[in-house]
Amino acid sequence: MSSPAAVEVCGPDRFRSLWQRCLVDGATDDSATIHQQLVKGYGEPQRHYHTLDHIAHCLTQFDQCKSLARNPDALEIAVWFHDVIFEPGRHDNEAHSARLYQDLSAEIHDDEMRQLIDRMIMATLHDGSSLDDADASYMVDIDLSSFGLDWDAFLLDSQNLREENPHLSDTDYYRKLLKFHSGLLARPRFFLSDFFYQRFEQQARDNVSRYLEQVRKLT
């Protein structure tokens, strides 16, 4: 269940205003229905981390860096949609989330914006692919910014992520986690943008290093 704070941050008025700003001339405004679809998706019972609370956190981070974005409206839409499709164990959730946006925005938003939003959503795969758009770097950093929270919040997020993978044994889950987290630490910079690097880099590295010490004891 979403927290009251998340429901407030992710309210319909905010989304409606955003969606309406991006409509092409003559397009039908279905923002109220789309917002309901997003909220319903993030409230699905299999979710523990990828919930409306995660989107609220991301939107709060977006609000603090949006003046630096080249296309802040596109970036915000990507935040709203990037985890809307989530099935545990699947490796194509991001692609399905991007496809849902494409389906809902066809002939509603201009094609250049739609392509940019698609790239930003797919950037949240965090697979090390090069990012050609500056705003995609902000999208990646926004999505990872919870790594830079205080230890207790980081640990709670980690526990919620584990709950989203009940199909994996502890051995398999923590083996995959070690690979991903070690890859993040191996980067020259955990965060790509100067904005998030200056705010969260050291705390994120400290959190991940501390957590990996605990995980190694379980594998």
Protein backbone atom coordinates (compact mmCIF):
# COMPACT_ATOMS: atom_id res chain seq x y z
CA MET A 1 0.00 0.00 0.00
CA SER A 2 1.34 3.44 -0.93
CA SER A 3 2.15 5.92 1.78
CA PRO A 4 0.01 9.07 2.09
CA ALA A 5 3.08 11.14 1.17
CA ALA A 6 3.54 9.18 -2.07
CA VAL A 7 -0.13 9.57 -2.98
CA GLU A 8 0.20 13.33 -2.49
CA VAL A 9 3.38 13.66 -4.57
CA CYS A 10 1.94 11.48 -7.34
CA GLY A 11 -1.45 13.16 -7.39
CA PRO A 12 -3.65 13.43 -10.49
CA ASP A 13 -3.34 17.20 -10.84
CA ARG A 14 0.41 16.99 -11.27
CA PHE A 15 0.20 14.28 -13.90
CA ARG A 16 -2.67 15.90 -15.76
CA SER A 17 -0.82 19.20 -16.03
CA LEU A 18 2.31 17.43 -17.29
CA TRP A 19 0.46 15.33 -19.87
CA GLN A 20 -1.56 18.26 -21.14
CA ARG A 21 1.54 20.40 -21.65
CA CYS A 22 2.88 17.80 -24.06
CA LEU A 23 -0.21 17.24 -26.21
CA VAL A 24 0.06 17.93 -29.92
CA ASP A 25 -2.61 20.12 -31.45
CA GLY A 26 -5.96 18.39 -31.67
CA ALA A 27 -4.97 15.46 -29.43
CA THR A 28 -7.46 13.95 -27.01
CA ASP A 29 -6.60 14.38 -23.34
CA ASP A 30 -6.86 11.03 -21.54
CA SER A 31 -4.58 12.07 -18.68
CA ALA A 32 -7.05 11.23 -15.91
CA THR A 33 -7.48 7.66 -17.16
CA ILE A 34 -3.75 7.23 -17.74
CA HIS A 35 -2.96 8.46 -14.24
CA GLN A 36 -5.39 5.92 -12.80
CA GLN A 37 -3.69 3.21 -14.86
CA LEU A 38 -0.26 4.21 -13.55
CA VAL A 39 -1.38 4.31 -9.92
CA LYS A 40 -3.08 0.94 -10.29
CA GLY A 41 0.08 -0.55 -11.81
CA TYR A 42 2.32 0.69 -9.03
CA GLY A 43 -0.10 -0.70 -6.48
CA GLU A 44 0.05 -4.30 -7.69
CA PRO A 45 0.50 -6.87 -4.89
CA GLN A 46 3.78 -8.34 -6.17
CA ARG A 47 5.52 -5.01 -5.64
CA HIS A 48 7.46 -4.07 -2.54
CA TYR A 49 10.10 -1.66 -3.87
CA HIS A 50 8.82 -0.71 -7.34
CA THR A 51 5.78 1.01 -5.89
CA LEU A 52 4.27 4.47 -5.97
CA ASP A 53 6.61 5.33 -3.11
CA HIS A 54 9.56 4.76 -5.47
CA ILE A 55 7.96 7.02 -8.07
CA ALA A 56 7.32 9.68 -5.43
CA HIS A 57 10.97 9.50 -4.40
CA CYS A 58 12.04 9.83 -8.03
CA LEU A 59 9.71 12.77 -8.64
CA THR A 60 11.07 14.51 -5.57
CA GLN A 61 14.59 14.10 -6.94
CA PHE A 62 13.42 15.25 -10.36
CA ASP A 63 11.98 18.41 -8.85
CA GLN A 64 15.41 19.29 -7.53
CA CYS A 65 17.23 18.86 -10.84
CA LYS A 66 14.60 19.68 -13.47
CA SER A 67 16.06 23.11 -14.15
CA LEU A 68 19.18 21.34 -15.45
CA ALA A 69 17.31 19.09 -17.89
CA ARG A 70 17.08 19.87 -21.58
CA ASN A 71 13.54 18.52 -21.77
CA PRO A 72 12.17 18.35 -18.23
CA ASP A 73 8.68 17.31 -19.31
CA ALA A 74 10.05 14.30 -21.20
CA LEU A 75 12.22 13.41 -18.22
CA GLU A 76 9.27 13.59 -15.84
CA ILE A 77 7.11 11.40 -18.06
CA ALA A 78 9.93 8.85 -18.15
CA VAL A 79 9.99 8.88 -14.35
CA TRP A 80 6.26 8.18 -14.21
CA PHE A 81 6.42 5.28 -16.66
CA HIS A 82 9.79 3.61 -16.12
CA ASP A 83 8.61 0.86 -13.75
CA VAL A 84 4.89 0.73 -14.51
CA ILE A 85 5.19 -2.81 -15.87
CA PHE A 86 6.81 -5.11 -13.33
CA GLU A 87 6.70 -8.89 -13.24
CA PRO A 88 9.24 -10.57 -10.95
CA GLY A 89 11.78 -12.65 -12.81
CA ARG A 90 11.29 -10.98 -16.18
CA HIS A 91 14.15 -9.16 -17.89
CA ASP A 92 12.01 -7.07 -20.22
CA ASN A 93 9.96 -5.02 -17.76
CA GLU A 94 11.58 -1.78 -18.94
CA ALA A 95 10.81 -2.61 -22.56
CA HIS A 96 7.19 -3.32 -21.72
CA SER A 97 6.98 -0.09 -19.69
CA ALA A 98 8.37 1.83 -22.65
CA ARG A 99 5.92 0.09 -24.98
CA LEU A 100 2.98 1.05 -22.78
CA TYR A 101 4.05 4.69 -22.97
CA GLN A 102 4.42 4.41 -26.74
CA ASP A 103 0.94 2.93 -27.06
CA LEU A 104 -0.65 5.61 -24.89
CA SER A 105 1.17 8.52 -26.53
CA ALA A 106 0.79 7.61 -30.20
CA GLU A 107 -0.48 10.71 -32.06
CA ILE A 108 -0.73 12.37 -28.66
CA HIS A 109 2.90 13.52 -28.16
CA ASP A 110 5.29 14.44 -30.92
CA ASP A 111 7.57 11.69 -32.22
CA GLU A 112 10.83 13.31 -31.09
CA MET A 113 9.61 13.43 -27.50
CA ARG A 114 8.30 9.88 -27.68
CA GLN A 115 11.66 8.58 -28.88
CA LEU A 116 13.50 10.49 -26.14
CA ILE A 117 11.20 9.11 -23.43
CA ASP A 118 11.65 5.60 -24.80
CA ARG A 119 15.44 5.94 -24.55
CA MET A 120 15.24 7.30 -21.01
CA ILE A 121 13.02 4.46 -19.82
CA MET A 122 15.35 1.89 -21.39
CA ALA A 123 18.34 3.59 -19.72
CA THR A 124 16.99 2.33 -16.39
CA LEU A 125 18.17 -1.14 -17.34
CA HIS A 126 21.48 0.10 -15.90
CA ASP A 127 23.34 -2.27 -18.22
CA GLY A 128 26.30 0.01 -18.85
CA SER A 129 25.15 1.09 -22.31
CA SER A 130 26.41 4.49 -23.43
CA LEU A 131 23.85 7.26 -23.07
CA ASP A 132 23.57 9.67 -25.95
CA ASP A 133 21.11 12.01 -24.23
CA ALA A 134 22.12 14.19 -21.30
CA ASP A 135 18.64 13.78 -19.83
CA ALA A 136 19.06 9.99 -19.89
CA SER A 137 21.93 10.45 -17.44
CA TYR A 138 19.59 12.32 -15.12
CA MET A 139 17.04 9.53 -15.49
CA VAL A 140 19.63 6.92 -14.50
CA ASP A 141 20.78 8.98 -11.54
CA ILE A 142 17.23 9.67 -10.36
CA ASP A 143 16.46 5.96 -10.46
CA LEU A 144 19.61 5.12 -8.48
CA SER A 145 19.40 8.03 -6.06
CA SER A 146 17.91 5.88 -3.30
CA PHE A 147 21.34 4.20 -3.05
CA GLY A 148 22.50 7.49 -1.55
CA LEU A 149 19.94 7.63 1.25
CA ASP A 150 20.88 7.04 4.86
CA TRP A 151 21.77 3.46 5.79
CA ASP A 152 18.43 2.52 7.36
CA ALA A 153 16.46 3.69 4.31
CA PHE A 154 18.90 1.95 1.97
CA LEU A 155 18.61 -1.27 3.96
CA LEU A 156 14.80 -1.14 3.89
CA ASP A 157 14.87 -0.68 0.10
CA SER A 158 17.22 -3.67 -0.16
CA GLN A 159 14.87 -5.81 1.90
CA ASN A 160 11.93 -4.75 -0.26
CA LEU A 161 13.84 -5.67 -3.40
CA ARG A 162 14.51 -9.12 -1.97
CA GLU A 163 10.79 -9.57 -1.30
CA GLU A 164 10.09 -8.89 -4.97
CA ASN A 165 12.10 -11.97 -5.96
CA PRO A 166 10.52 -14.86 -4.05
CA HIS A 167 11.17 -17.15 -7.03
CA LEU A 168 14.93 -17.00 -6.38
CA SER A 169 16.78 -18.81 -3.65
CA ASP A 170 18.96 -16.70 -1.38
CA THR A 171 22.04 -18.10 -3.11
CA ASP A 172 20.84 -17.16 -6.59
CA TYR A 173 19.44 -13.80 -5.55
CA TYR A 174 22.54 -12.64 -3.71
CA ARG A 175 24.82 -13.91 -6.47
CA LYS A 176 23.00 -11.69 -8.95
CA LEU A 177 22.99 -8.81 -6.49
CA LEU A 178 26.74 -9.10 -5.96
CA LYS A 179 27.33 -8.86 -9.68
CA PHE A 180 25.13 -5.78 -10.11
CA HIS A 181 26.31 -3.91 -7.03
CA SER A 182 29.97 -4.69 -7.70
CA GLY A 183 29.50 -3.33 -11.20
CA LEU A 184 28.16 -0.08 -9.79
CA LEU A 185 31.13 0.26 -7.45
CA ALA A 186 33.54 -0.44 -10.32
CA ARG A 187 32.36 2.59 -12.24
CA PRO A 188 34.60 5.66 -12.12
CA ARG A 189 31.49 7.45 -10.88
CA PHE A 190 28.42 5.89 -9.32
CA PHE A 191 26.35 8.87 -10.50
CA LEU A 192 26.77 10.24 -14.00
CA SER A 193 25.64 13.83 -13.48
CA ASP A 194 27.51 16.34 -11.37
CA PHE A 195 24.28 17.18 -9.55
CA PHE A 196 23.76 13.68 -8.15
CA TYR A 197 27.47 12.94 -7.83
CA GLN A 198 27.93 15.86 -5.46
CA ARG A 199 24.88 14.96 -3.38
CA PHE A 200 24.99 11.18 -3.13
CA GLU A 201 28.22 9.65 -4.43
CA GLN A 202 30.01 8.95 -1.16
CA GLN A 203 26.93 7.79 0.75
CA ALA A 204 25.96 5.45 -2.09
CA ARG A 205 29.43 3.92 -2.20
CA ASP A 206 29.48 3.53 1.57
CA ASN A 207 26.04 1.90 1.57
CA VAL A 208 26.84 -0.55 -1.21
CA SER A 209 30.23 -1.48 0.24
CA ARG A 210 28.69 -2.11 3.66
CA TYR A 211 25.84 -4.12 2.17
CA LEU A 212 28.16 -6.24 0.05
CA GLU A 213 30.08 -7.17 3.19
CA GLN A 214 26.84 -8.53 4.64
CA VAL A 215 25.86 -10.28 1.41
CA ARG A 216 29.19 -12.05 1.05
CA LYS A 217 28.55 -13.72 4.37
CA LEU A 218 25.35 -15.19 2.92
CA THR A 219 26.88 -16.62 -0.26
